[in-house]
């Protein structure tokens, strides 16, 4: 888990347990800014971030999301706080027990803690320390408060708690993100490396409208440029087109040239495998992810309805901030071709 504090005449704090968006949002590390980066890990967890900052303008220090004072120390004097903290699975660890089998998996960090309790504490600290602006990155899935997925429900509750503690917070709601380190397109390719049959949850008919992670990062930068304009408002981030999960799977395998068997499997059956895979260190699939993939993962409105809104109380989109949505077809090959046997050179003449 990393925490970023950027100091210049404008002081920005970025709190995150994943460097995914921040890795694509390196403009905050230039233009004379001084960045304070808090981390729970060792140097190897953040050393790749150093080139994102001007020489001598990055400082790394330890913090814990369970130590309120350590977070307060880093947030102190901030003008803007950007919260990227979130988790899609419970972190589990083995512990000894007195009875057979003498071992038990305990939850060390839950989805609810990461997505609700920690954002709530951050918002309370921002109010207490009179931080000018708070940007809370949530998810489009938060729009479905009755979702079967605990993760989606926790995102909705997290937004509620943030706004309760800090009513003028800016909420950013991206749909599923794709990019070099994504857990969407890469997931299909990685599953094909391990399994000959790929289950499509309930046939893979649910829809999703993926957004490019760089576009989300640029949108956050635009909000930082004029944070007062977006106080108490929401910014929805989504791609130019929706797809079913079945269409995405076929799209990925068309690029990677992997040939797994795609099988229509009921969600309850997929959960049998997910119940095992969830115990991996960085799980490929969890039962809650299966629940999430049974539902549409779309923005709240169509593009036309977003444009037709009245200005008062308007929900902003990336387009309103001058960010054009990047088509998934334009970027996917750049990081999926590595799953081809022999890479992309296998199809080129003169290399054999």
Foldseek 3Di string as FASTA:
>chain_A
DKKKWKDDVAIEIEAEPDCVLVVLQLPSQDPPIAMEMEDQDDCVVCVVNVVSHDPPRYHYHYDDLVDLVRVLVRCAPHQEYEYHFFDQAFQWDWDADPDPVRIDIDGPGGRLCRLAVSLLSVLLSCVVNVHNAYEYEAALLCVCCPFPFPNNVSSVNNVVSSCVSFVFYEYEHEFQEDDQPGLQLVLLLVVLVPDQEDECAQQQAAKTFYFYSSLVSVLVVLCVVPVVVRTNAYEYEGAPDMDGSVVSSVVLCVLQVRRHHYHHDYLVVVQVVQCVQSNDNRGSHHSSVSSVSVHHRYHPDDPVVLVPDDPVRRHHYSVVSVRHTDDCVVHVNVNSQVSHDVGPCVPPPPPD
